[in-house]
Amino acid sequence: MHADTAPAPGEPATITADELPTWQTDGVVWAITMIGDTVYVGGNFDHIRPPDTQPGDPQEQARKNLAAFNAATGQPLPWSPTVEGTPFTSTTHQWDCDDLGNNQWICDAVWELRPSPDATKLYVGGDFTKINGQRRGKIAAFDLPSGNLNTFSHEINSRVQALTVTAKTVYAGGFFTTVDGTNRQRLAAFATANGTLTSWAPTADRGVHAMITSPDGTRIVLGGDFNQINGNPPHGLGAVYADTGASAPWATGVDYVNPTRRSWVTDLVKDDEAIYASANGENTFDGRLALNPDDGTTRWIDNCLGATQAITILDGLLYSGSHAHDCRSQPDGFPEIVPDQPYQRLLAEPTHPDPARYDTPPILHWFPSTNGGPTSYNQGPRAMDNNGKYLWVGGDFTTVNNQKQQGLTRFGSLAVTSDANPAQPVIKPTVTKPDGTTGQLQVTWKQTWDRDNKKLTYEVIRDNTTVVHTLTSESKFWDLQNLTFTDTGLTPGSSHTYAIRAIDPFNNRVRSPASAPVQAG
């Protein structure tokens, strides 16, 4: 399988790898959720600005940790609540918070966004203590479509990092130990009817980073860095019943050897048949896996190396944000490339690989990428969501496909955009006269590659005008091959130049520089 935007018959098409014009942030995006054609974004930022501009641009607009955009245009919407934290003093470095100097810190980031099933409310979790000047202790809600802050208000004593919402209940997870002064060990629930804290109170011994309702609605699946839920293993993954909070059967965890060799779950998504989890790891598992929602048994595991932070499902494909650098464990996966070790930070794979062909999902030919951003994490993508047409990606990156773009980017399906970017540049070919021949020249060139098309057509162009040879071949960025063509019937003693043109299935073209003139024998 090499699915791309022009796949073989019977294979799914990916979205394009062409980044679309999108407004940017001046900080990290931790959360994205899409409701129809509206994209809600949360994180730790102070402004947004147009594409192709730098921080401080005159068109820059204030947005304090929350913003909204039009999914189809990438343009901002007027919604602009102000999310704030409370300054405090600490001699310990406060990761993911703003350093005010002199051991003063402020933690105000939005870490999670989840709409109600009927899309009439947007729930927000994070580190903040105020929104629009009103007290909101780590959790809040907005009415939709107005975007007005509503009266849902609680005092939670530490970060809310995970939310999932049903028609009756808002479930929250994170690092907290109390809600409104009541003991809640990193898990809590609130009634959607009146916002009150419920009696639902399972326990986690360490942080809960992600949560999702099972497809049948009876369970809440939990992911994080915990060793136990309700006193029960396994590490990093578990499930509790949505009504009682009692532990539900769960078979699969992520690795835990010791504090410096462990994995933790970063994101959870679902379809009608399975739960999908992404993991970050320290010297251990940090890929993706699919699980049966009833008991947590494993359907497949993707052991790509390079911490995965975010996943989303679009048209039966699982898109992921990571800093993958070694996917040899997967069909069609790329190896570690040293010494350059280029990270491939955006990937796609099928959610339900054909069991007759694969035990684990192949890596599909979809290779847009970002950089790791200015922070020490070297991560890049940290949040993803889609509305079936557009896929939005947020994080701490500052480039996308080697072009400047900070914090946010988006990609589209062929239903709403075209595959318009050509392949990567083609290197100038080498031309030689084969020994012992008359009227012949041999042209040799290295394949190029395209971010979302495995198969490319090459044209050999003589003397800048005449196409003398055409061939089609498949290429992958980690194993580019040399191709050759021998031009015959040339006038002995004549000199010729050659260039190579690469053409993708959508007729996007890129041409190499011409060779130096070489004389035919």
Protein backbone atom coordinates (compact mmCIF):
# COMPACT_ATOMS: atom_id res chain seq x y z
CA MET A 1 0.00 0.00 0.00
CA HIS A 2 1.34 3.43 -0.90
CA ALA A 3 -1.81 5.53 -0.61
CA ASP A 4 -1.39 9.17 -1.54
CA THR A 5 -3.51 11.80 -3.30
CA ALA A 6 -3.45 9.64 -6.45
CA PRO A 7 -3.40 6.10 -5.08
CA ALA A 8 -3.66 2.78 -6.86
CA PRO A 9 -7.22 1.47 -7.41
CA GLY A 10 -8.78 0.24 -4.20
CA GLU A 11 -6.51 2.26 -1.93
CA PRO A 12 -7.69 5.29 0.10
CA ALA A 13 -6.56 8.75 -0.88
CA THR A 14 -4.80 10.92 1.66
CA ILE A 15 -5.40 14.62 1.97
CA THR A 16 -2.80 16.80 0.27
CA ALA A 17 0.50 17.61 1.91
CA ASP A 18 0.29 21.22 0.66
CA GLU A 19 0.06 23.66 3.54
CA LEU A 20 -2.80 26.13 3.08
CA PRO A 21 -2.62 29.84 4.03
CA THR A 22 -3.45 30.06 7.73
CA TRP A 23 -3.17 32.70 10.42
CA GLN A 24 -0.45 32.03 13.00
CA THR A 25 0.07 32.32 16.74
CA ASP A 26 3.04 33.74 18.63
CA GLY A 27 3.18 30.80 21.05
CA VAL A 28 2.30 27.16 21.53
CA VAL A 29 -1.04 25.65 20.48
CA TRP A 30 -1.99 22.82 22.86
CA ALA A 31 -5.57 22.12 21.79
CA ILE A 32 -7.76 22.26 18.67
CA THR A 33 -11.41 21.34 18.24
CA MET A 34 -13.54 21.86 15.15
CA ILE A 35 -17.29 22.39 15.05
CA GLY A 36 -18.44 22.52 11.45
CA ASP A 37 -16.44 25.23 9.73
CA THR A 38 -15.27 26.85 12.96
CA VAL A 39 -11.92 25.99 14.49
CA TYR A 40 -11.34 26.70 18.18
CA VAL A 41 -7.72 26.87 19.28
CA GLY A 42 -6.25 26.96 22.78
CA GLY A 43 -2.72 27.22 24.08
CA ASN A 44 -0.19 29.65 25.46
CA PHE A 45 -0.08 32.64 23.10
CA ASP A 46 -0.79 36.37 23.14
CA HIS A 47 -1.39 37.26 19.49
CA ILE A 48 -2.37 35.92 16.09
CA ARG A 49 -1.13 37.23 12.75
CA PRO A 50 -1.55 36.57 9.01
CA PRO A 51 0.53 34.00 7.13
CA ASP A 52 3.87 35.18 5.74
CA THR A 53 4.27 37.76 8.53
CA GLN A 54 6.51 38.04 11.57
CA PRO A 55 5.58 38.70 15.23
CA GLY A 56 4.74 42.36 15.71
CA ASP A 57 3.31 42.77 12.21
CA PRO A 58 0.84 45.71 11.99
CA GLN A 59 -1.97 43.25 11.16
CA GLU A 60 -1.37 41.27 14.33
CA GLN A 61 -4.40 40.86 16.63
CA ALA A 62 -4.53 40.22 20.37
CA ARG A 63 -5.72 36.75 21.38
CA LYS A 64 -4.98 35.59 24.91
CA ASN A 65 -4.72 31.78 24.84
CA LEU A 66 -7.99 31.25 22.94
CA ALA A 67 -8.89 32.02 19.33
CA ALA A 68 -11.28 30.92 16.60
CA PHE A 69 -10.82 30.64 12.84
CA ASN A 70 -12.73 29.82 9.70
CA ALA A 71 -11.73 26.28 8.75
CA ALA A 72 -12.02 26.86 5.01
CA THR A 73 -10.14 30.17 4.78
CA GLY A 74 -7.71 30.13 7.71
CA GLN A 75 -8.93 33.62 8.64
CA PRO A 76 -9.63 34.65 12.26
CA LEU A 77 -13.09 35.06 13.72
CA PRO A 78 -13.94 37.87 16.19
CA TRP A 79 -14.17 35.58 19.26
CA SER A 80 -11.43 36.72 21.65
CA PRO A 81 -11.88 35.84 25.33
CA THR A 82 -9.01 36.78 27.63
CA VAL A 83 -7.57 33.86 29.57
CA GLU A 84 -5.32 34.71 32.51
CA GLY A 85 -3.45 33.08 35.37
CA THR A 86 -2.40 34.21 38.82
CA PRO A 87 1.29 35.14 39.29
CA PHE A 88 3.20 33.20 41.93
CA THR A 89 6.74 32.80 43.26
CA SER A 90 8.81 29.65 42.83
CA THR A 91 12.53 28.87 42.70
CA THR A 92 11.70 25.71 40.72
CA HIS A 93 11.44 26.06 36.95
CA GLN A 94 7.80 25.96 35.89
CA TRP A 95 7.58 24.15 32.59
CA ASP A 96 4.93 25.34 30.11
CA CYS A 97 4.38 28.56 32.10
CA ASP A 98 5.49 32.15 31.46
CA ASP A 99 8.65 33.28 33.23
CA LEU A 100 8.11 36.81 34.57
CA GLY A 101 11.64 37.03 35.99
CA ASN A 102 12.85 37.14 39.60
CA ASN A 103 11.35 33.68 40.28
CA GLN A 104 7.90 34.96 39.30
CA TRP A 105 5.73 32.77 37.11
CA ILE A 106 2.28 32.73 35.59
CA CYS A 107 0.54 29.60 34.31
CA ASP A 108 -2.44 30.48 32.12
CA ALA A 109 -2.43 28.06 29.19
CA VAL A 110 -5.48 26.33 27.74
CA TRP A 111 -4.75 22.62 27.42
CA GLU A 112 -8.04 21.13 26.32
CA LEU A 113 -11.15 22.04 24.31
CA ARG A 114 -14.25 19.87 23.97
CA PRO A 115 -17.71 20.72 22.61
CA SER A 116 -20.94 19.29 23.93
CA PRO A 117 -22.53 16.67 21.64
CA ASP A 118 -25.17 19.16 20.49
CA ALA A 119 -22.51 21.83 19.85
CA THR A 120 -24.22 24.36 22.11
CA LYS A 121 -21.32 24.59 24.58
CA LEU A 122 -17.54 24.61 24.44
CA TYR A 123 -15.73 23.36 27.55
CA VAL A 124 -12.20 24.55 28.28
CA GLY A 125 -9.57 23.14 30.63
CA GLY A 126 -6.09 24.30 31.54
CA ASP A 127 -3.95 26.21 34.04
CA PHE A 128 -5.88 29.49 34.05
CA THR A 129 -7.66 31.18 36.95
CA LYS A 130 -9.63 33.92 35.14
CA ILE A 131 -11.48 34.38 31.87
CA ASN A 132 -12.70 37.81 30.84
CA GLY A 133 -11.85 39.03 34.33
CA GLN A 134 -14.14 36.47 36.00
CA ARG A 135 -12.87 33.74 38.29
CA ARG A 136 -12.64 30.35 36.54
CA GLY A 137 -10.40 27.86 38.33
CA LYS A 138 -8.92 25.62 35.63
CA ILE A 139 -12.22 24.85 33.89
CA ALA A 140 -14.86 26.95 32.11
CA ALA A 141 -17.56 26.81 29.45
CA PHE A 142 -18.80 29.04 26.64
CA ASP A 143 -22.24 29.09 25.07
CA LEU A 144 -22.32 28.52 21.32
CA PRO A 145 -22.72 29.97 18.82
CA SER A 146 -22.55 33.26 20.75
CA GLY A 147 -19.18 32.42 22.34
CA ASN A 148 -20.23 34.03 25.60
CA LEU A 149 -18.68 32.78 28.84
CA ASN A 150 -21.43 31.09 30.84
CA THR A 151 -21.87 30.51 34.58
CA PHE A 152 -20.16 27.10 34.76
CA SER A 153 -17.51 27.75 37.43
CA HIS A 154 -15.40 25.66 39.80
CA GLU A 155 -12.17 25.86 41.77
CA ILE A 156 -9.80 23.07 40.77
CA ASN A 157 -6.42 23.08 42.44
CA SER A 158 -4.23 22.03 39.49
CA ARG A 159 -4.26 21.62 35.74
CA VAL A 160 -7.20 20.19 33.83
CA GLN A 161 -5.60 18.54 30.80
CA ALA A 162 -8.34 16.22 29.55
CA LEU A 163 -12.07 16.55 28.93
CA THR A 164 -14.78 14.46 27.34
CA VAL A 165 -18.44 15.44 27.22
CA THR A 166 -21.71 13.53 26.91
CA ALA A 167 -25.26 14.85 26.84
CA LYS A 168 -25.47 14.62 30.64
CA THR A 169 -21.92 14.81 31.96
CA VAL A 170 -18.63 16.68 31.59
CA TYR A 171 -15.71 14.43 32.55
CA ALA A 172 -12.38 16.02 33.50
CA GLY A 173 -8.89 14.66 34.07
CA GLY A 174 -5.53 16.15 34.84
CA PHE A 175 -3.22 16.72 37.78
CA PHE A 176 -5.66 18.06 40.39
CA THR A 177 -6.49 16.55 43.77
CA THR A 178 -9.44 18.73 44.82
CA VAL A 179 -12.51 20.29 43.19
CA ASP A 180 -14.22 23.04 45.20
CA GLY A 181 -12.37 21.70 48.25
CA THR A 182 -13.70 18.17 47.72
CA ASN A 183 -11.24 15.33 47.22
CA ARG A 184 -10.95 14.26 43.59
CA GLN A 185 -7.81 12.37 42.60
CA ARG A 186 -7.17 13.61 39.07
CA LEU A 187 -10.64 12.67 37.81
CA ALA A 188 -13.99 14.39 38.27
CA ALA A 189 -17.35 14.88 36.59
CA PHE A 190 -19.95 17.64 36.37
CA ALA A 191 -23.61 17.60 35.40
CA THR A 192 -24.26 19.44 32.16
CA ALA A 193 -27.75 20.44 33.32
CA ASN A 194 -26.62 22.65 36.21
CA GLY A 195 -22.80 22.36 36.26
CA THR A 196 -22.64 20.77 39.70
CA LEU A 197 -19.88 18.40 40.78
CA THR A 198 -21.18 14.81 40.72
CA SER A 199 -20.31 11.85 42.92
CA TRP A 200 -18.33 10.21 40.11
CA ALA A 201 -14.86 9.89 41.60
CA PRO A 202 -12.47 7.26 40.22
CA THR A 203 -8.84 7.83 41.16
CA ALA A 204 -5.58 8.09 39.25
CA ASP A 205 -2.24 8.04 41.04
CA ARG A 206 -0.55 10.29 38.43
CA GLY A 207 -1.54 12.63 35.63
CA VAL A 208 -4.43 12.00 33.24
CA HIS A 209 -3.55 13.46 29.84
CA ALA A 210 -6.42 12.25 27.63
CA MET A 211 -9.91 10.80 27.93
CA ILE A 212 -12.66 9.71 25.55
CA THR A 213 -16.07 8.08 25.74
CA SER A 214 -16.22 4.56 24.32
CA PRO A 215 -18.22 4.12 21.09
CA ASP A 216 -21.18 2.65 23.01
CA GLY A 217 -21.05 5.40 25.66
CA THR A 218 -20.72 3.06 28.65
CA ARG A 219 -17.05 3.66 29.47
CA ILE A 220 -14.59 6.49 29.81
CA VAL A 221 -11.23 5.47 28.40
CA LEU A 222 -8.29 7.19 30.11
CA GLY A 223 -4.73 7.85 29.00
CA GLY A 224 -1.83 9.42 30.82
CA ASP A 225 1.23 8.76 32.95
CA PHE A 226 -0.57 7.02 35.78
CA ASN A 227 0.39 3.61 37.12
CA GLN A 228 -3.05 2.83 38.49
CA ILE A 229 -6.70 3.72 38.04
CA ASN A 230 -8.76 2.91 41.13
CA GLY A 231 -5.70 1.07 42.39
CA ASN A 232 -5.55 -1.15 39.29
CA PRO A 233 -2.93 -1.41 36.54
CA PRO A 234 -1.95 -1.24 33.68
CA HIS A 235 0.26 1.81 33.30
CA GLY A 236 -0.88 4.67 31.09
CA LEU A 237 -4.19 3.26 29.82
CA GLY A 238 -7.41 2.25 31.52
CA ALA A 239 -11.18 2.51 31.51
CA VAL A 240 -13.90 3.21 34.04
CA TYR A 241 -17.64 3.02 33.76
CA ALA A 242 -19.28 6.29 32.78
CA ASP A 243 -22.04 5.98 35.36
CA THR A 244 -20.24 4.70 38.48
CA GLY A 245 -16.52 5.37 37.96
CA ALA A 246 -15.75 1.73 38.81
CA SER A 247 -12.94 0.13 36.84
CA ALA A 248 -13.91 -1.59 33.60
CA PRO A 249 -11.96 -4.49 32.09
CA TRP A 250 -8.79 -3.28 30.38
CA ALA A 251 -5.93 -5.37 29.05
CA THR A 252 -3.35 -3.09 27.44
CA GLY A 253 -1.01 -0.55 29.00
CA VAL A 254 2.05 1.28 27.73
CA ASP A 255 5.58 0.56 28.88
CA TYR A 256 6.84 1.37 32.34
CA VAL A 257 10.25 0.06 33.37
CA ASN A 258 11.48 2.83 35.65
CA PRO A 259 11.08 6.63 35.85
CA THR A 260 13.58 7.14 33.01
CA ARG A 261 12.18 4.35 30.83
CA ARG A 262 8.49 4.85 30.53
CA SER A 263 5.72 5.76 28.12
CA TRP A 264 2.63 7.85 28.65
CA VAL A 265 -0.48 8.33 26.55
CA THR A 266 -0.88 11.78 25.01
CA ASP A 267 -4.10 11.58 22.94
CA LEU A 268 -7.13 9.37 22.32
CA VAL A 269 -9.56 9.23 19.38
CA LYS A 270 -12.16 6.71 18.26
CA ASP A 271 -14.29 5.39 15.44
CA ASP A 272 -17.24 3.01 15.62
CA GLU A 273 -15.00 -0.01 16.22
CA ALA A 274 -11.87 0.99 18.11
CA ILE A 275 -10.04 3.39 20.38
CA TYR A 276 -6.73 4.79 19.11
CA ALA A 277 -3.98 6.06 21.41
CA SER A 278 -0.76 7.98 20.87
CA ALA A 279 2.19 7.81 23.23
CA ASN A 280 5.29 9.71 24.25
CA GLY A 281 8.15 7.64 25.56
CA GLU A 282 11.54 7.89 27.19
CA ASN A 283 13.66 5.06 25.74
CA THR A 284 10.53 2.95 25.17
CA PHE A 285 7.23 2.89 23.23
CA ASP A 286 6.20 6.21 21.68
CA GLY A 287 4.08 5.34 18.64
CA ARG A 288 0.39 4.61 18.10
CA LEU A 289 -1.91 1.67 18.87
CA ALA A 290 -5.49 0.56 18.28
CA LEU A 291 -7.56 -1.07 21.02
CA ASN A 292 -10.84 -2.91 21.38
CA PRO A 293 -13.05 -0.55 23.42
CA ASP A 294 -14.82 -3.28 25.42
CA ASP A 295 -11.75 -4.76 27.09
CA GLY A 296 -8.67 -2.85 25.95
CA THR A 297 -7.14 -5.74 24.05
CA THR A 298 -4.77 -4.71 21.30
CA ARG A 299 -5.78 -4.65 17.65
CA TRP A 300 -2.46 -3.35 16.32
CA ILE A 301 0.65 -1.48 17.47
CA ASP A 302 2.75 0.97 15.47
CA ASN A 303 6.23 1.09 16.98
CA CYS A 304 7.60 4.08 15.06
CA LEU A 305 10.18 5.84 17.21
CA GLY A 306 9.66 9.54 17.91
CA ALA A 307 7.14 10.73 20.48
CA THR A 308 3.58 11.03 19.17
CA GLN A 309 1.61 13.92 20.65
CA ALA A 310 -1.62 14.14 18.63
CA ILE A 311 -3.87 12.02 16.42
CA THR A 312 -7.07 12.44 14.41
CA ILE A 313 -9.11 10.24 12.06
CA LEU A 314 -10.20 11.40 8.60
CA ASP A 315 -11.77 9.10 5.98
CA GLY A 316 -10.49 5.95 7.63
CA LEU A 317 -6.91 7.18 8.00
CA LEU A 318 -5.15 7.98 11.26
CA TYR A 319 -3.12 11.18 10.96
CA SER A 320 -0.52 11.80 13.63
CA GLY A 321 1.84 14.51 14.85
CA SER A 322 5.17 13.35 16.25
CA HIS A 323 8.88 13.62 15.68
CA ALA A 324 9.15 10.21 14.06
CA HIS A 325 12.67 9.28 13.02
CA ASP A 326 12.66 5.48 12.71
CA CYS A 327 9.62 3.61 11.32
CA ARG A 328 11.37 0.42 10.22
CA SER A 329 8.88 -1.54 12.33
CA GLN A 330 6.07 -0.61 9.93
CA PRO A 331 5.39 -1.69 6.34
CA ASP A 332 6.65 1.02 3.96
CA GLY A 333 8.27 2.73 6.95
CA PHE A 334 11.46 4.74 6.75
CA PRO A 335 14.68 3.96 8.64
CA GLU A 336 16.82 6.07 10.92
CA ILE A 337 18.81 8.38 8.68
CA VAL A 338 22.15 9.40 10.17
CA PRO A 339 23.90 11.70 10.65
CA ASP A 340 21.20 14.15 9.55
CA GLN A 341 18.32 12.28 11.29
CA PRO A 342 15.51 14.31 9.71
CA TYR A 343 12.36 14.07 11.78
CA GLN A 344 9.15 13.34 9.88
CA ARG A 345 6.63 15.10 12.10
CA LEU A 346 3.36 14.37 10.26
CA LEU A 347 2.30 10.86 9.20
CA ALA A 348 -0.75 8.92 7.97
CA GLU A 349 -1.71 5.25 8.26
CA PRO A 350 -4.93 3.23 7.84
CA THR A 351 -7.06 2.69 10.94
CA HIS A 352 -8.09 -0.77 9.73
CA PRO A 353 -5.23 -2.28 7.71
CA ASP A 354 -6.12 -5.26 5.54
CA PRO A 355 -5.44 -8.27 7.81
CA ALA A 356 -4.61 -10.43 4.79
CA ARG A 357 -1.70 -8.12 4.00
CA TYR A 358 -0.66 -6.44 7.23
CA ASP A 359 -0.33 -7.21 10.92
CA THR A 360 0.38 -3.56 11.63
CA PRO A 361 -0.46 -0.44 9.60
CA PRO A 362 1.77 0.64 6.72
CA ILE A 363 3.11 4.17 6.67
CA LEU A 364 1.31 5.92 3.81
CA HIS A 365 2.95 8.28 1.37
CA TRP A 366 1.97 11.54 3.06
CA PHE A 367 4.96 13.52 4.25
CA PRO A 368 4.35 17.17 5.08
CA SER A 369 6.49 18.24 7.98
CA THR A 370 7.28 20.97 10.48
CA ASN A 371 10.31 21.85 12.51
CA GLY A 372 10.56 21.24 16.24
CA GLY A 373 10.06 24.85 17.26
CA PRO A 374 12.12 27.00 19.61
CA THR A 375 11.48 25.06 22.83
CA SER A 376 13.75 22.38 24.25
CA TYR A 377 11.19 19.66 23.49
CA ASN A 378 12.01 19.51 19.74
CA GLN A 379 8.45 18.30 19.19
CA GLY A 380 6.55 20.43 16.66
CA PRO A 381 2.93 19.24 16.27
CA ARG A 382 0.93 18.96 19.51
CA ALA A 383 -2.76 19.14 18.54
CA MET A 384 -4.89 17.98 15.59
CA ASP A 385 -8.52 17.90 14.55
CA ASN A 386 -10.51 17.80 11.32
CA ASN A 387 -14.05 18.38 10.03
CA GLY A 388 -13.92 15.81 7.24
CA LYS A 389 -12.57 18.36 4.76
CA TYR A 390 -9.77 20.26 6.47
CA LEU A 391 -7.18 18.97 8.92
CA TRP A 392 -5.76 21.59 11.31
CA VAL A 393 -2.48 21.12 13.17
CA GLY A 394 -1.20 23.16 16.10
CA GLY A 395 1.98 23.09 18.15
CA ASP A 396 5.22 24.89 18.86
CA PHE A 397 6.65 24.68 15.31
CA THR A 398 7.82 27.74 13.39
CA THR A 399 8.06 26.23 9.90
CA VAL A 400 5.81 24.03 7.75
CA ASN A 401 7.23 22.30 4.68
CA ASN A 402 10.33 24.46 5.18
CA GLN A 403 8.29 27.69 4.96
CA LYS A 404 7.89 30.07 7.91
CA GLN A 405 4.64 29.40 9.76
CA GLN A 406 4.20 29.45 13.54
CA GLY A 407 1.85 27.52 15.77
CA LEU A 408 -0.91 26.66 13.29
CA THR A 409 -1.28 25.15 9.86
CA ARG A 410 -3.91 23.27 7.88
CA PHE A 411 -4.28 20.81 5.02
CA GLY A 412 -7.24 19.93 2.82
CA SER A 413 -8.77 16.97 1.03
CA LEU A 414 -9.06 16.96 -2.74
CA ALA A 415 -12.76 17.72 -2.28
CA VAL A 416 -11.90 21.26 -1.16
CA THR A 417 -8.42 21.98 -2.51
CA SER A 418 -6.03 20.83 -5.22
CA ASP A 419 -2.69 19.08 -5.06
CA ALA A 420 -0.74 22.08 -6.26
CA ASN A 421 2.83 21.71 -4.98
CA PRO A 422 5.41 20.08 -7.26
CA ALA A 423 7.94 17.49 -6.20
CA GLN A 424 11.15 18.45 -4.44
CA PRO A 425 13.87 19.98 -6.64
CA VAL A 426 15.61 17.73 -9.17
CA ILE A 427 19.40 17.66 -9.11
CA LYS A 428 21.26 18.47 -12.33
CA PRO A 429 21.88 15.27 -14.30
CA THR A 430 25.25 13.85 -15.19
CA VAL A 431 26.00 13.24 -18.89
CA THR A 432 28.76 10.94 -20.14
CA LYS A 433 29.82 9.38 -23.43
CA PRO A 434 29.70 5.57 -23.13
CA ASP A 435 33.05 3.98 -23.99
CA GLY A 436 33.28 2.47 -27.44
CA THR A 437 30.06 4.04 -28.73
CA THR A 438 29.29 6.36 -31.59
CA GLY A 439 26.52 8.98 -31.51
CA GLN A 440 25.45 8.19 -27.96
CA LEU A 441 25.28 10.01 -24.63
CA GLN A 442 24.20 8.54 -21.30
CA VAL A 443 22.12 10.70 -18.95
CA THR A 444 22.06 9.78 -15.24
CA TRP A 445 20.00 11.49 -12.58
CA LYS A 446 18.84 10.85 -9.05
CA GLN A 447 15.13 10.48 -8.34
CA THR A 448 13.39 13.27 -6.52
CA TRP A 449 10.38 12.75 -4.25
CA ASP A 450 7.00 14.31 -3.68
CA ARG A 451 5.35 14.83 -0.29
CA ASP A 452 2.04 13.25 -1.27
CA ASN A 453 2.65 11.26 -4.48
CA LYS A 454 4.86 8.19 -4.58
CA LYS A 455 4.76 7.83 -8.37
CA LEU A 456 6.40 10.50 -10.54
CA THR A 457 6.96 10.80 -14.28
CA TYR A 458 10.37 11.96 -15.53
CA GLU A 459 11.06 13.62 -18.87
CA VAL A 460 14.59 13.82 -20.30
CA ILE A 461 14.90 17.12 -22.18
CA ARG A 462 17.68 17.54 -24.75
CA ASP A 463 19.01 21.00 -25.59
CA ASN A 464 16.28 22.72 -23.58
CA THR A 465 13.58 21.87 -26.13
CA THR A 466 13.13 18.23 -27.05
CA VAL A 467 11.73 15.53 -24.77
CA VAL A 468 13.69 12.44 -25.79
CA HIS A 469 12.61 10.02 -23.09
CA THR A 470 9.80 9.56 -20.55
CA LEU A 471 9.59 7.10 -17.69
CA THR A 472 7.54 6.66 -14.51
CA SER A 473 8.94 5.38 -11.22
CA GLU A 474 8.11 5.34 -7.53
CA SER A 475 10.34 7.11 -5.06
CA LYS A 476 10.68 7.57 -1.31
CA PHE A 477 12.69 10.27 0.39
CA TRP A 478 14.91 7.85 2.30
CA ASP A 479 15.97 5.73 -0.70
CA LEU A 480 16.34 7.81 -3.85
CA GLN A 481 17.68 5.78 -6.77
CA ASN A 482 19.74 6.71 -9.81
CA LEU A 483 17.93 6.51 -13.16
CA THR A 484 19.59 6.40 -16.58
CA PHE A 485 18.77 6.91 -20.23
CA THR A 486 21.02 6.50 -23.24
CA ASP A 487 20.35 8.94 -26.07
CA THR A 488 21.26 7.38 -29.41
CA GLY A 489 21.41 8.41 -33.04
CA LEU A 490 23.22 11.66 -32.30
CA THR A 491 25.49 13.28 -34.85
CA PRO A 492 29.08 12.34 -33.98
CA GLY A 493 30.91 15.36 -32.60
CA SER A 494 27.72 17.28 -31.75
CA SER A 495 27.36 18.77 -28.26
CA HIS A 496 24.22 18.55 -26.17
CA THR A 497 22.81 19.55 -22.81
CA TYR A 498 20.17 17.67 -20.82
CA ALA A 499 17.69 18.55 -18.10
CA ILE A 500 15.21 16.43 -16.16
CA ARG A 501 11.59 17.37 -15.54
CA ALA A 502 9.59 15.59 -12.78
CA ILE A 503 5.78 15.59 -13.10
CA ASP A 504 3.32 14.43 -10.46
CA PRO A 505 -0.11 12.89 -11.27
CA PHE A 506 -1.70 16.38 -11.13
CA ASN A 507 0.73 17.79 -13.72
CA ASN A 508 2.70 19.82 -11.19
CA ARG A 509 6.20 20.16 -12.65
CA VAL A 510 9.71 20.83 -11.44
CA ARG A 511 12.78 20.98 -13.71
CA SER A 512 16.44 20.49 -12.98
CA PRO A 513 19.21 22.81 -14.12
CA ALA A 514 20.68 21.82 -17.48
CA SER A 515 23.89 19.83 -17.63
CA ALA A 516 27.05 21.22 -19.16
CA PRO A 517 27.39 20.52 -22.90
CA VAL A 518 28.90 17.12 -23.67
CA GLN A 519 30.11 16.02 -27.09
CA ALA A 520 28.76 12.82 -28.61
CA GLY A 521 31.39 10.45 -29.98
